[in-house]
């Protein structure tokens, strides 16, 4: 996506009158100054993402021994990657390191070239391991829903400390969505959309000229800068820094990186978010709905740009440099990767092309369905031991009682339409599950679906003994790692067990039972948590880790499938 120059940013800040500058926005909150995150690794490559504190020419150095020992003999094998960083890319960059050795520990140092006293990471804990070509087993940590404020002014550490202790035991980490909350509960931190709504007269004065023309470019530059502040505030956590600087991580966005219910709202409903019940700052609210719609769309483009800067650029991509257009509509955010031929991974994007008004394929879009089916056909072989699918929203979690609640709680409309279980998504859900069951049955391998979103914990086994007797699908949901969880009593509203229902005529017809049976294996709510899934050949187990709020104790429970 097109980045704005530092001169444009400086010029824009000089023009700002009543709106806060990026540094003034949530000025009391402490920002992340620097961070290193290990992204996608293969047996010969690694992505190393950095956030640096100041502009300049920065070096990433890799070597196979720690930096704080006599390394005179390592000069020939030390690898150095250099990038000049300016504020135009929020002082972030993803180094792409080639020609690495398989299954090798690399120690790293990030330093400002020519300034020996400006080094971000160079101690013994700063290292990662490249992937192997073959795996007998694998250990995967999964988390979602990182909102350390959740209505409070204090930073809630959640379960990060517990996860950070497991760094040496994990092969990789998956972030299943909502790694930040633009629409966090106030007063803990400003809601991005409330900020835009309550100050829309100031935005109008700032970005609409005397002829009534909307200065879209300047508006987008400002939105990008504000959204970056959320990442810098949300990711300012020592335990997060420790584990992401050690273990390769893969991430996908969900709605809260954009707007609550994004994709399950019509354009009219998105515009309604910006309509004012009252004005905090005085003036006349914007009545031009086309202008409000444009503000929403450009804000989405800004969200996508910053998501790419902080998260997606570390994911596997088909090309070395990701060619993202200024308008992200239609862009393929889904991706695949592997650990050897034994363990195959696919990450679904449920927001980038989610459109509840589409005629079909409303959650994923037709293109993503076709890519995934092709991947299943070409990547899964007789050597595959297990498949891992990241689906930010679970296939099975809430009971049908929750689905009926929309009739008396209209505010749940978008949350329910986000779900695979919503009648409007049944055709799409049934199609993708049919593909999963077919592949699982064909190779007699488990498919593990990892999900977040719902602020609770659950695990289900899905079987279809009639059509696919050798198939086994497991849906594990872990949410939230720091976000205020649902009440403990929410487990009463979970899907217990029984056959999955589908509604005919694209969700408008009669409801009938399918052949898919859902068995509940685990259920918990009211706790911050994460999950560690272990695969040993075709055997799958999951250990749920959580923090008991009342006592602050760390607890865990293991489920074998």
Protein backbone atom coordinates (compact mmCIF):
# COMPACT_ATOMS: atom_id res chain seq x y z
CA UNK A 1 0.00 0.00 0.00
CA UNK A 2 1.19 3.45 -0.76
CA UNK A 3 3.15 4.96 2.12
CA UNK A 4 3.18 8.68 2.86
CA UNK A 5 6.47 10.54 3.01
CA UNK A 6 7.90 12.10 6.15
CA UNK A 7 7.52 15.52 4.50
CA UNK A 8 3.80 14.86 3.98
CA UNK A 9 3.44 13.88 7.65
CA UNK A 10 5.25 16.99 8.84
CA UNK A 11 3.15 19.17 6.53
CA UNK A 12 -0.06 17.57 7.75
CA UNK A 13 0.82 18.02 11.43
CA UNK A 14 1.50 21.72 10.80
CA UNK A 15 -1.96 22.02 9.23
CA UNK A 16 -3.75 20.35 12.16
CA UNK A 17 -5.70 22.86 14.21
CA UNK A 18 -8.07 21.31 16.72
CA UNK A 19 -7.46 17.62 16.03
CA UNK A 20 -4.70 15.97 18.11
CA UNK A 21 -1.40 15.07 16.51
CA UNK A 22 -0.56 11.34 16.59
CA UNK A 23 1.68 11.84 19.65
CA UNK A 24 -1.08 13.81 21.43
CA UNK A 25 -3.67 11.10 20.75
CA UNK A 26 -3.93 9.07 23.99
CA UNK A 27 -0.89 11.07 25.10
CA UNK A 28 -0.82 9.59 28.61
CA UNK A 29 -0.41 6.03 27.30
CA UNK A 30 3.11 4.60 27.06
CA UNK A 31 4.13 3.67 23.52
CA UNK A 32 6.24 0.81 22.27
CA UNK A 33 9.66 2.25 21.35
CA UNK A 34 11.23 -0.86 19.85
CA UNK A 35 10.40 -4.50 19.22
CA UNK A 36 11.65 -7.52 17.27
CA UNK A 37 9.19 -10.19 16.12
CA UNK A 38 10.09 -13.40 14.31
CA UNK A 39 7.71 -14.08 11.45
CA UNK A 40 7.53 -16.90 8.93
CA UNK A 41 10.50 -19.27 8.95
CA UNK A 42 11.38 -22.10 6.60
CA UNK A 43 14.43 -24.39 6.60
CA UNK A 44 16.40 -21.71 4.70
CA UNK A 45 14.63 -18.36 5.26
CA UNK A 46 13.25 -16.16 8.04
CA UNK A 47 11.28 -12.96 8.31
CA UNK A 48 12.42 -10.69 11.13
CA UNK A 49 10.17 -7.69 11.80
CA UNK A 50 11.54 -4.70 13.67
CA UNK A 51 10.16 -1.53 15.20
CA UNK A 52 12.99 0.92 15.84
CA UNK A 53 12.96 4.10 17.95
CA UNK A 54 14.60 6.54 15.54
CA UNK A 55 15.28 7.05 11.85
CA UNK A 56 18.54 5.84 10.38
CA UNK A 57 20.31 2.93 8.70
CA UNK A 58 19.58 -0.14 10.81
CA UNK A 59 21.41 -3.45 10.69
CA UNK A 60 20.11 -6.90 11.49
CA UNK A 61 22.99 -9.25 12.27
CA UNK A 62 22.56 -13.02 12.46
CA UNK A 63 25.08 -15.56 13.73
CA UNK A 64 25.04 -19.03 15.29
CA UNK A 65 26.63 -18.03 18.61
CA UNK A 66 25.62 -15.37 21.18
CA UNK A 67 26.96 -11.87 20.62
CA UNK A 68 28.33 -11.39 24.13
CA UNK A 69 31.16 -13.93 23.73
CA UNK A 70 34.39 -13.77 21.75
CA UNK A 71 33.05 -14.03 18.23
CA UNK A 72 36.18 -13.22 16.23
CA UNK A 73 35.93 -16.61 14.54
CA UNK A 74 32.33 -15.94 13.47
CA UNK A 75 32.98 -12.93 11.26
CA UNK A 76 32.94 -14.99 8.07
CA UNK A 77 29.59 -16.60 8.83
CA UNK A 78 27.84 -13.55 10.30
CA UNK A 79 25.03 -12.34 8.07
CA UNK A 80 24.16 -8.64 7.92
CA UNK A 81 20.97 -7.16 6.49
CA UNK A 82 20.59 -3.37 6.23
CA UNK A 83 17.57 -1.07 5.84
CA UNK A 84 17.25 2.71 6.09
CA UNK A 85 14.09 3.47 8.09
CA UNK A 86 12.15 6.72 8.19
CA UNK A 87 9.00 7.75 10.01
CA UNK A 88 7.03 7.27 6.79
CA UNK A 89 6.69 3.54 7.55
CA UNK A 90 6.17 4.05 11.28
CA UNK A 91 9.81 3.00 11.78
CA UNK A 92 8.94 -0.61 11.07
CA UNK A 93 10.37 -3.05 8.55
CA UNK A 94 10.40 -6.77 7.87
CA UNK A 95 13.85 -8.12 7.01
CA UNK A 96 13.72 -11.14 4.70
CA UNK A 97 16.72 -13.35 5.43
CA UNK A 98 17.83 -15.96 2.90
CA UNK A 99 20.47 -18.69 2.71
CA UNK A 100 20.02 -19.83 6.31
CA UNK A 101 20.79 -23.30 7.62
CA UNK A 102 18.06 -25.80 8.42
CA UNK A 103 17.06 -26.40 12.05
CA UNK A 104 19.68 -23.93 13.27
CA UNK A 105 19.54 -21.47 16.14
CA UNK A 106 20.40 -17.94 15.04
CA UNK A 107 21.24 -15.20 17.51
CA UNK A 108 20.38 -11.72 16.32
CA UNK A 109 21.29 -8.14 16.99
CA UNK A 110 19.49 -5.03 15.71
CA UNK A 111 21.59 -1.88 15.83
CA UNK A 112 21.91 1.57 14.33
CA UNK A 113 24.75 1.57 11.84
CA UNK A 114 27.66 3.68 13.03
CA UNK A 115 26.30 4.00 16.58
CA UNK A 116 27.66 1.17 18.73
CA UNK A 117 25.66 2.32 21.76
CA UNK A 118 22.27 2.03 19.99
CA UNK A 119 21.47 -1.70 19.95
CA UNK A 120 17.97 -3.03 20.51
CA UNK A 121 18.57 -6.74 20.97
CA UNK A 122 21.84 -8.59 21.38
CA UNK A 123 21.71 -10.76 24.50
CA UNK A 124 21.48 -14.54 24.78
CA UNK A 125 17.66 -14.53 24.78
CA UNK A 126 17.56 -12.95 21.32
CA UNK A 127 17.48 -15.97 19.07
CA UNK A 128 15.19 -18.11 16.93
CA UNK A 129 15.40 -21.44 15.15
CA UNK A 130 14.83 -22.14 11.47
CA UNK A 131 12.41 -24.89 10.49
CA UNK A 132 13.23 -28.52 9.85
CA UNK A 133 12.50 -30.41 6.65
CA UNK A 134 10.68 -33.18 8.50
CA UNK A 135 8.74 -33.32 11.77
CA UNK A 136 7.66 -36.20 13.97
CA UNK A 137 5.68 -33.85 16.21
CA UNK A 138 4.82 -30.19 16.53
CA UNK A 139 3.72 -27.78 19.27
CA UNK A 140 1.56 -24.78 18.32
CA UNK A 141 0.41 -21.99 20.63
CA UNK A 142 -2.79 -20.19 19.71
CA UNK A 143 -4.22 -16.97 21.12
CA UNK A 144 -6.71 -14.26 20.19
CA UNK A 145 -8.37 -11.09 21.46
CA UNK A 146 -5.62 -8.93 22.94
CA UNK A 147 -7.29 -5.95 24.63
CA UNK A 148 -5.41 -5.14 27.84
CA UNK A 149 -7.63 -2.15 28.65
CA UNK A 150 -11.15 -3.57 28.26
CA UNK A 151 -12.84 -0.67 29.95
CA UNK A 152 -10.14 -0.10 32.57
CA UNK A 153 -7.33 2.42 32.64
CA UNK A 154 -4.81 -0.18 33.85
CA UNK A 155 -2.95 -2.46 31.45
CA UNK A 156 -4.25 -6.01 32.00
CA UNK A 157 -1.40 -8.55 31.54
CA UNK A 158 -3.78 -11.47 31.00
CA UNK A 159 -2.09 -14.77 30.17
CA UNK A 160 1.00 -13.45 28.36
CA UNK A 161 3.32 -14.19 31.28
CA UNK A 162 2.26 -17.82 31.28
CA UNK A 163 2.81 -18.13 27.53
CA UNK A 164 6.22 -16.45 27.67
CA UNK A 165 7.49 -19.24 29.93
CA UNK A 166 6.83 -21.77 27.17
CA UNK A 167 9.02 -20.13 24.52
CA UNK A 168 11.53 -23.00 24.46
CA UNK A 169 8.78 -25.60 23.95
CA UNK A 170 6.91 -24.03 21.01
CA UNK A 171 7.47 -24.47 17.29
CA UNK A 172 5.26 -21.54 16.36
CA UNK A 173 2.54 -19.17 17.57
CA UNK A 174 -0.70 -18.27 15.78
CA UNK A 175 -2.54 -15.02 16.48
CA UNK A 176 -6.14 -15.71 15.53
CA UNK A 177 -7.40 -12.15 15.27
CA UNK A 178 -8.17 -9.03 17.32
CA UNK A 179 -4.51 -8.43 18.14
CA UNK A 180 -5.62 -4.84 18.82
CA UNK A 181 -9.03 -3.26 19.43
CA UNK A 182 -9.69 -0.05 17.52
CA UNK A 183 -13.13 -0.03 19.13
CA UNK A 184 -12.04 -0.89 22.65
CA UNK A 185 -14.41 -0.21 25.52
CA UNK A 186 -14.03 3.33 26.76
CA UNK A 187 -12.82 4.78 29.11
CA UNK A 188 -9.82 2.41 29.05
CA UNK A 189 -8.70 3.78 25.71
CA UNK A 190 -10.34 5.92 23.05
CA UNK A 191 -12.66 4.11 20.65
CA UNK A 192 -11.37 4.97 17.15
CA UNK A 193 -14.84 5.21 15.64
CA UNK A 194 -16.21 7.22 18.55
CA UNK A 195 -13.25 9.57 18.11
CA UNK A 196 -14.17 9.99 14.44
CA UNK A 197 -17.87 10.31 15.23
CA UNK A 198 -17.62 12.81 18.07
CA UNK A 199 -15.15 15.01 16.24
CA UNK A 200 -16.63 14.85 12.77
CA UNK A 201 -17.14 18.62 12.59
CA UNK A 202 -13.42 19.05 13.27
CA UNK A 203 -12.62 16.46 10.61
CA UNK A 204 -14.88 18.33 8.22
CA UNK A 205 -13.10 21.62 8.90
CA UNK A 206 -9.72 19.94 8.54
CA UNK A 207 -10.24 17.77 5.46
CA UNK A 208 -13.02 19.39 3.41
CA UNK A 209 -11.89 22.47 1.50
CA UNK A 210 -13.81 25.67 0.82
CA UNK A 211 -15.23 24.18 -2.39
CA UNK A 212 -16.64 21.16 -0.55
CA UNK A 213 -14.00 18.72 -1.86
CA UNK A 214 -12.87 15.99 0.52
CA UNK A 215 -9.08 15.82 0.76
CA UNK A 216 -8.96 12.02 0.83
CA UNK A 217 -5.17 11.70 0.71
CA UNK A 218 -4.61 13.92 3.75
CA UNK A 219 -7.44 12.20 5.63
CA UNK A 220 -5.91 8.79 4.98
CA UNK A 221 -2.46 9.94 6.11
CA UNK A 222 -3.95 11.11 9.40
CA UNK A 223 -5.99 7.91 9.91
CA UNK A 224 -2.89 5.76 9.28
CA UNK A 225 -0.97 7.72 11.89
CA UNK A 226 -3.74 7.40 14.49
CA UNK A 227 -4.22 3.66 13.91
CA UNK A 228 -0.49 3.08 14.33
CA UNK A 229 -0.80 4.52 17.82
CA UNK A 230 -3.10 1.65 18.82
CA UNK A 231 -0.49 -0.92 17.82
CA UNK A 232 2.26 0.98 19.64
CA UNK A 233 0.13 1.17 22.80
CA UNK A 234 -1.36 -2.33 22.70
CA UNK A 235 1.91 -4.13 21.95
CA UNK A 236 3.92 -2.37 24.66
CA UNK A 237 4.21 -5.48 26.83
CA UNK A 238 7.41 -7.12 28.04
CA UNK A 239 6.07 -10.68 28.00
CA UNK A 240 4.75 -10.23 24.46
CA UNK A 241 8.15 -8.88 23.41
CA UNK A 242 9.94 -11.86 24.94
CA UNK A 243 7.97 -14.60 23.24
CA UNK A 244 7.51 -12.92 19.85
CA UNK A 245 11.23 -12.22 19.73
CA UNK A 246 11.90 -15.95 20.11
CA UNK A 247 9.13 -17.95 18.44
CA UNK A 248 7.95 -17.60 14.83
CA UNK A 249 4.44 -16.15 14.73
CA UNK A 250 1.68 -16.04 12.14
CA UNK A 251 -1.24 -13.63 12.40
CA UNK A 252 -4.57 -12.78 10.80
CA UNK A 253 -6.89 -9.90 11.54
CA UNK A 254 -10.47 -10.03 12.75
CA UNK A 255 -13.11 -7.34 13.02
CA UNK A 256 -11.58 -5.30 15.86
CA UNK A 257 -8.52 -4.42 13.78
CA UNK A 258 -11.12 -2.58 11.69
CA UNK A 259 -14.64 -2.12 13.12
CA UNK A 260 -16.83 -4.30 15.32
CA UNK A 261 -18.77 -6.60 12.99
CA UNK A 262 -16.89 -5.50 9.86
CA UNK A 263 -18.34 -7.40 6.91
CA UNK A 264 -21.59 -8.16 8.74
CA UNK A 265 -22.70 -4.54 8.44
CA UNK A 266 -24.27 -2.99 5.36
CA UNK A 267 -22.91 0.31 4.07
CA UNK A 268 -25.88 2.06 5.67
CA UNK A 269 -25.09 0.42 9.03
CA UNK A 270 -21.42 1.44 8.77
CA UNK A 271 -22.49 5.04 8.13
CA UNK A 272 -24.79 4.86 11.16
CA UNK A 273 -21.70 4.28 13.32
CA UNK A 274 -20.61 7.83 12.49
CA UNK A 275 -23.98 9.47 13.02
CA UNK A 276 -24.10 11.47 16.21
CA UNK A 277 -26.57 11.15 19.05
CA UNK A 278 -24.99 14.38 20.30
CA UNK A 279 -21.87 16.44 19.73
CA UNK A 280 -19.19 16.69 22.37
CA UNK A 281 -17.28 19.39 20.54
CA UNK A 282 -20.09 21.57 19.20
CA UNK A 283 -20.82 22.41 15.59
CA UNK A 284 -23.05 20.77 13.01
CA UNK A 285 -22.78 17.03 12.32
CA UNK A 286 -22.05 15.89 8.78
CA UNK A 287 -25.31 15.17 7.01
CA UNK A 288 -23.78 14.13 3.69
CA UNK A 289 -24.02 10.34 3.89
CA UNK A 290 -21.82 9.90 0.82
CA UNK A 291 -19.04 11.78 2.63
CA UNK A 292 -19.51 9.64 5.75
CA UNK A 293 -19.40 6.51 3.59
CA UNK A 294 -16.18 7.76 2.01
CA UNK A 295 -14.68 8.38 5.45
CA UNK A 296 -15.55 4.81 6.47
CA UNK A 297 -14.01 3.33 3.31
CA UNK A 298 -10.79 5.33 3.55
CA UNK A 299 -10.52 4.43 7.24
CA UNK A 300 -10.76 0.76 6.21
CA UNK A 301 -7.96 1.32 3.70
CA UNK A 302 -5.88 2.86 6.50
CA UNK A 303 -6.65 -0.13 8.76
CA UNK A 304 -5.48 -2.49 6.01
CA UNK A 305 -2.29 -0.54 5.44
CA UNK A 306 -1.34 -0.58 9.12
CA UNK A 307 -2.37 -4.23 9.50
CA UNK A 308 0.06 -5.03 6.70
CA UNK A 309 2.82 -2.95 8.33
CA UNK A 310 2.52 -4.55 11.77
CA UNK A 311 1.13 -8.04 11.10
CA UNK A 312 0.66 -9.34 7.59
CA UNK A 313 4.12 -8.48 6.23
CA UNK A 314 5.57 -11.19 8.52
CA UNK A 315 3.27 -13.88 7.10
CA UNK A 316 4.26 -16.17 4.21
CA UNK A 317 3.73 -14.59 0.82
CA UNK A 318 4.06 -15.87 -2.71
CA UNK A 319 6.28 -12.95 -3.68
CA UNK A 320 9.25 -11.54 -1.81
CA UNK A 321 7.72 -8.06 -1.66
CA UNK A 322 3.99 -7.95 -1.22
CA UNK A 323 2.32 -5.80 -3.90
CA UNK A 324 -0.61 -4.34 -1.98
CA UNK A 325 -2.72 -1.81 -3.86
CA UNK A 326 -3.98 1.41 -2.31
CA UNK A 327 -7.48 -0.07 -2.29
CA UNK A 328 -7.33 -3.44 -0.50
CA UNK A 329 -10.76 -4.63 -1.70
CA UNK A 330 -10.34 -8.05 -3.25
CA UNK A 331 -6.81 -8.56 -1.94
CA UNK A 332 -5.92 -12.12 -0.89
CA UNK A 333 -5.06 -11.93 2.82
CA UNK A 334 -5.34 -15.72 3.32
CA UNK A 335 -2.16 -17.77 3.19
CA UNK A 336 -0.64 -21.22 3.72
CA UNK A 337 2.59 -22.63 5.13
CA UNK A 338 3.92 -25.92 6.42
CA UNK A 339 6.26 -27.71 8.78
CA UNK A 340 7.75 -30.38 6.58
CA UNK A 341 5.34 -32.39 4.49
CA UNK A 342 3.81 -33.72 7.71
CA UNK A 343 1.98 -30.64 9.02
CA UNK A 344 0.12 -28.30 6.71
CA UNK A 345 -1.36 -24.93 7.71
CA UNK A 346 -3.92 -22.62 6.11
CA UNK A 347 -5.08 -19.30 7.50
CA UNK A 348 -8.52 -18.06 6.48
CA UNK A 349 -9.26 -14.34 6.19
CA UNK A 350 -12.79 -13.61 7.42
CA UNK A 351 -12.70 -9.79 7.15
CA UNK A 352 -10.89 -8.55 4.07
CA UNK A 353 -13.59 -9.72 1.65
CA UNK A 354 -16.43 -10.41 4.08
CA UNK A 355 -19.64 -8.91 2.68
CA UNK A 356 -23.02 -9.75 4.18
CA UNK A 357 -24.75 -8.23 1.12
CA UNK A 358 -23.03 -10.55 -1.38
CA UNK A 359 -25.11 -13.09 -3.24
CA UNK A 360 -22.92 -15.97 -1.98
CA UNK A 361 -19.64 -16.78 -0.22
CA UNK A 362 -20.26 -13.91 2.17
CA UNK A 363 -17.60 -14.72 4.77
CA UNK A 364 -14.62 -15.62 2.61
CA UNK A 365 -15.43 -14.51 -0.91
CA UNK A 366 -15.40 -16.83 -3.91
CA UNK A 367 -11.70 -16.32 -4.67
CA UNK A 368 -10.62 -17.50 -1.23
CA UNK A 369 -12.78 -20.62 -1.50
CA UNK A 370 -11.15 -21.48 -4.81
CA UNK A 371 -7.63 -20.91 -3.43
CA UNK A 372 -8.30 -23.09 -0.42
CA UNK A 373 -9.79 -25.93 -2.47
CA UNK A 374 -6.77 -25.82 -4.77
CA UNK A 375 -4.46 -25.91 -1.74
CA UNK A 376 -6.26 -28.96 -0.32
CA UNK A 377 -5.93 -30.66 -3.69
CA UNK A 378 -2.22 -29.92 -4.22
CA UNK A 379 -0.63 -29.65 -0.75
CA UNK A 380 -2.20 -32.55 1.12
CA UNK A 381 -0.54 -35.88 0.40
CA UNK A 382 -0.16 -39.32 1.93
CA UNK A 383 2.77 -37.93 3.93
CA UNK A 384 0.55 -35.39 5.70
CA UNK A 385 -0.06 -36.24 9.37
CA UNK A 386 -2.39 -33.35 10.31
CA UNK A 387 -3.90 -30.17 8.89
CA UNK A 388 -4.28 -26.93 10.85
CA UNK A 389 -6.83 -24.36 9.72
CA UNK A 390 -7.00 -20.93 11.36
CA UNK A 391 -10.58 -19.67 11.23
CA UNK A 392 -10.86 -16.47 13.33
CA UNK A 393 -14.52 -17.26 14.06
CA UNK A 394 -15.35 -20.81 15.25
CA UNK A 395 -17.42 -23.27 13.25
CA UNK A 396 -19.04 -24.58 16.44
CA UNK A 397 -19.40 -22.73 19.72
CA UNK A 398 -22.73 -21.10 20.63
CA UNK A 399 -26.03 -22.97 20.90
CA UNK A 400 -29.05 -22.13 18.77
CA UNK A 401 -30.47 -20.22 21.77
CA UNK A 402 -27.84 -17.53 21.20
CA UNK A 403 -28.76 -17.34 17.52
CA UNK A 404 -32.39 -16.68 18.48
CA UNK A 405 -31.36 -13.87 20.84
CA UNK A 406 -31.06 -11.42 17.94
CA UNK A 407 -34.83 -11.12 17.98
CA UNK A 408 -34.72 -9.28 21.31
CA UNK A 409 -31.12 -7.94 21.26
CA UNK A 410 -30.59 -6.16 17.94
CA UNK A 411 -27.04 -5.21 18.96
CA UNK A 412 -26.02 -8.87 18.48
CA UNK A 413 -26.95 -8.82 14.81
CA UNK A 414 -23.43 -8.33 13.45
CA UNK A 415 -21.83 -10.75 15.97
CA UNK A 416 -24.23 -13.48 14.92
CA UNK A 417 -23.82 -12.79 11.21
CA UNK A 418 -20.04 -13.11 11.70
CA UNK A 419 -20.54 -16.76 12.64
CA UNK A 420 -20.45 -19.81 10.41
CA UNK A 421 -23.56 -20.99 12.26
CA UNK A 422 -25.67 -18.03 11.11
CA UNK A 423 -28.29 -19.22 8.57
CA UNK A 424 -27.05 -16.74 5.97
CA UNK A 425 -23.67 -18.52 6.03
CA UNK A 426 -24.86 -22.13 6.04
CA UNK A 427 -24.30 -22.75 2.32
CA UNK A 428 -20.73 -21.47 2.61
CA UNK A 429 -20.09 -23.39 5.84
CA UNK A 430 -21.51 -26.64 4.47
CA UNK A 431 -19.38 -26.31 1.33
CA UNK A 432 -16.11 -25.82 3.19
CA UNK A 433 -16.88 -28.53 5.77
CA UNK A 434 -17.64 -30.96 2.94
CA UNK A 435 -14.15 -30.28 1.56
CA UNK A 436 -12.59 -30.77 5.00
CA UNK A 437 -14.43 -34.03 5.62
CA UNK A 438 -13.51 -35.36 2.19
CA UNK A 439 -9.76 -34.72 2.64
CA UNK A 440 -9.75 -35.93 6.25
CA UNK A 441 -11.50 -39.13 5.24
CA UNK A 442 -9.37 -39.67 2.13
CA UNK A 443 -6.09 -39.61 4.06
CA UNK A 444 -7.43 -40.61 7.52
CA UNK A 445 -5.87 -37.52 9.09
CA UNK A 446 -7.21 -35.03 11.64
CA UNK A 447 -8.05 -31.45 10.68
CA UNK A 448 -7.65 -29.00 13.56
CA UNK A 449 -9.55 -25.72 13.26
CA UNK A 450 -8.18 -22.98 15.53
CA UNK A 451 -10.54 -20.11 16.38
CA UNK A 452 -10.93 -17.08 18.64
CA UNK A 453 -13.37 -14.15 18.66
CA UNK A 454 -15.89 -15.26 21.32
CA UNK A 455 -14.00 -14.48 24.60
CA UNK A 456 -14.45 -18.05 25.90
CA UNK A 457 -12.80 -21.46 25.56
CA UNK A 458 -14.21 -24.57 23.91
CA UNK A 459 -13.29 -27.71 21.99
CA UNK A 460 -15.49 -29.87 19.77
CA UNK A 461 -15.00 -32.98 17.67
CA UNK A 462 -16.99 -33.12 14.43
CA UNK A 463 -17.69 -36.46 12.75
CA UNK A 464 -19.78 -37.73 9.85
CA UNK A 465 -19.89 -41.49 10.31
CA UNK A 466 -22.35 -42.00 7.47
CA UNK A 467 -20.48 -40.31 4.62
CA UNK A 468 -16.93 -39.99 5.94
CA UNK A 469 -16.22 -42.71 8.55
CA UNK A 470 -12.46 -42.07 8.67
CA UNK A 471 -12.72 -38.30 9.02
CA UNK A 472 -12.08 -36.33 12.20
CA UNK A 473 -12.39 -32.54 12.52
CA UNK A 474 -11.53 -30.73 15.76
CA UNK A 475 -12.55 -27.12 16.43
CA UNK A 476 -10.52 -25.54 19.24
CA UNK A 477 -11.46 -22.04 20.38
CA UNK A 478 -9.22 -19.96 22.65
CA UNK A 479 -10.24 -16.39 23.51
CA UNK A 480 -9.31 -14.00 25.05
CA UNK A 481 -5.69 -13.66 26.13
CA UNK A 482 -6.19 -10.23 27.76
CA UNK A 483 -9.66 -8.99 26.77
CA UNK A 484 -12.26 -9.07 29.54
CA UNK A 485 -13.79 -12.54 29.05
CA UNK A 486 -17.43 -13.53 29.04
CA UNK A 487 -18.92 -14.43 32.41
CA UNK A 488 -18.26 -17.93 33.75
CA UNK A 489 -21.95 -18.74 33.25
CA UNK A 490 -21.60 -18.28 29.49
CA UNK A 491 -20.80 -21.99 29.18
CA UNK A 492 -24.52 -22.59 29.63
CA UNK A 493 -25.02 -21.05 26.19
CA UNK A 494 -22.41 -23.24 24.45
CA UNK A 495 -23.40 -25.85 21.92
CA UNK A 496 -23.49 -29.08 23.95
CA UNK A 497 -23.68 -31.98 21.54
CA UNK A 498 -25.84 -33.19 18.72
CA UNK A 499 -26.16 -32.99 14.99
CA UNK A 500 -25.37 -29.77 13.17
CA UNK A 501 -28.35 -28.01 11.61
CA UNK A 502 -28.53 -26.33 8.24
CA UNK A 503 -31.19 -24.01 6.91
CA UNK A 504 -32.20 -24.53 3.30
CA UNK A 505 -32.80 -21.91 0.59
CA UNK A 506 -29.70 -19.89 1.51
CA UNK A 507 -30.77 -19.56 5.13
CA UNK A 508 -34.36 -18.58 4.38
CA UNK A 509 -35.96 -22.04 4.24
CA UNK A 510 -36.70 -24.81 6.70
CA UNK A 511 -34.09 -26.11 9.13
CA UNK A 512 -32.94 -29.73 8.97
CA UNK A 513 -30.31 -31.90 10.64
CA UNK A 514 -27.12 -32.80 8.78
CA UNK A 515 -24.99 -35.93 9.18
CA UNK A 516 -22.35 -33.95 11.09
CA UNK A 517 -22.28 -34.77 14.79
CA UNK A 518 -20.71 -32.29 17.23
CA UNK A 519 -19.29 -33.58 20.52
CA UNK A 520 -18.20 -31.09 23.17
CA UNK A 521 -14.76 -31.95 24.61
CA UNK A 522 -14.10 -28.87 26.73
CA UNK A 523 -15.87 -25.70 27.84
CA UNK A 524 -14.78 -22.79 30.02
CA UNK A 525 -15.49 -19.09 30.35
CA UNK A 526 -14.63 -16.18 32.62
CA UNK A 527 -10.83 -16.51 32.23
CA UNK A 528 -7.99 -15.11 30.15
CA UNK A 529 -6.44 -17.99 28.24
CA UNK A 530 -4.44 -19.45 25.38
CA UNK A 531 -4.10 -22.95 23.94
CA UNK A 532 -1.14 -25.17 23.05
CA UNK A 533 -1.93 -27.86 20.50
CA UNK A 534 0.44 -30.78 20.14
CA UNK A 535 0.47 -33.19 17.24
CA UNK A 536 2.44 -36.42 17.41
CA UNK A 537 1.92 -38.01 14.03
CA UNK A 538 -1.87 -38.16 13.81
CA UNK A 539 -2.51 -37.92 17.55
CA UNK A 540 -3.81 -34.52 18.70
CA UNK A 541 -3.94 -33.07 22.20
CA UNK A 542 -4.64 -29.55 23.43
CA UNK A 543 -3.61 -27.96 26.71
CA UNK A 544 -5.67 -24.93 27.68
CA UNK A 545 -3.84 -22.45 29.93
CA UNK A 546 -5.76 -19.82 31.90
CA UNK A 547 -5.44 -17.32 34.71
CA UNK A 548 -7.86 -17.46 37.62
CA UNK A 549 -8.71 -13.81 38.13
CA UNK A 550 -9.75 -14.09 41.77
CA UNK A 551 -6.50 -15.76 42.89
CA UNK A 552 -4.16 -14.93 40.03
CA UNK A 553 -3.24 -18.60 39.75
CA UNK A 554 -2.20 -20.22 36.50
CA UNK A 555 -4.13 -23.37 35.66
CA UNK A 556 -4.29 -25.77 32.77
CA UNK A 557 -6.24 -28.70 31.44
CA UNK A 558 -5.28 -31.13 28.69
CA UNK A 559 -7.75 -32.71 26.27
CA UNK A 560 -6.77 -35.68 24.12
CA UNK A 561 -8.75 -36.15 20.93
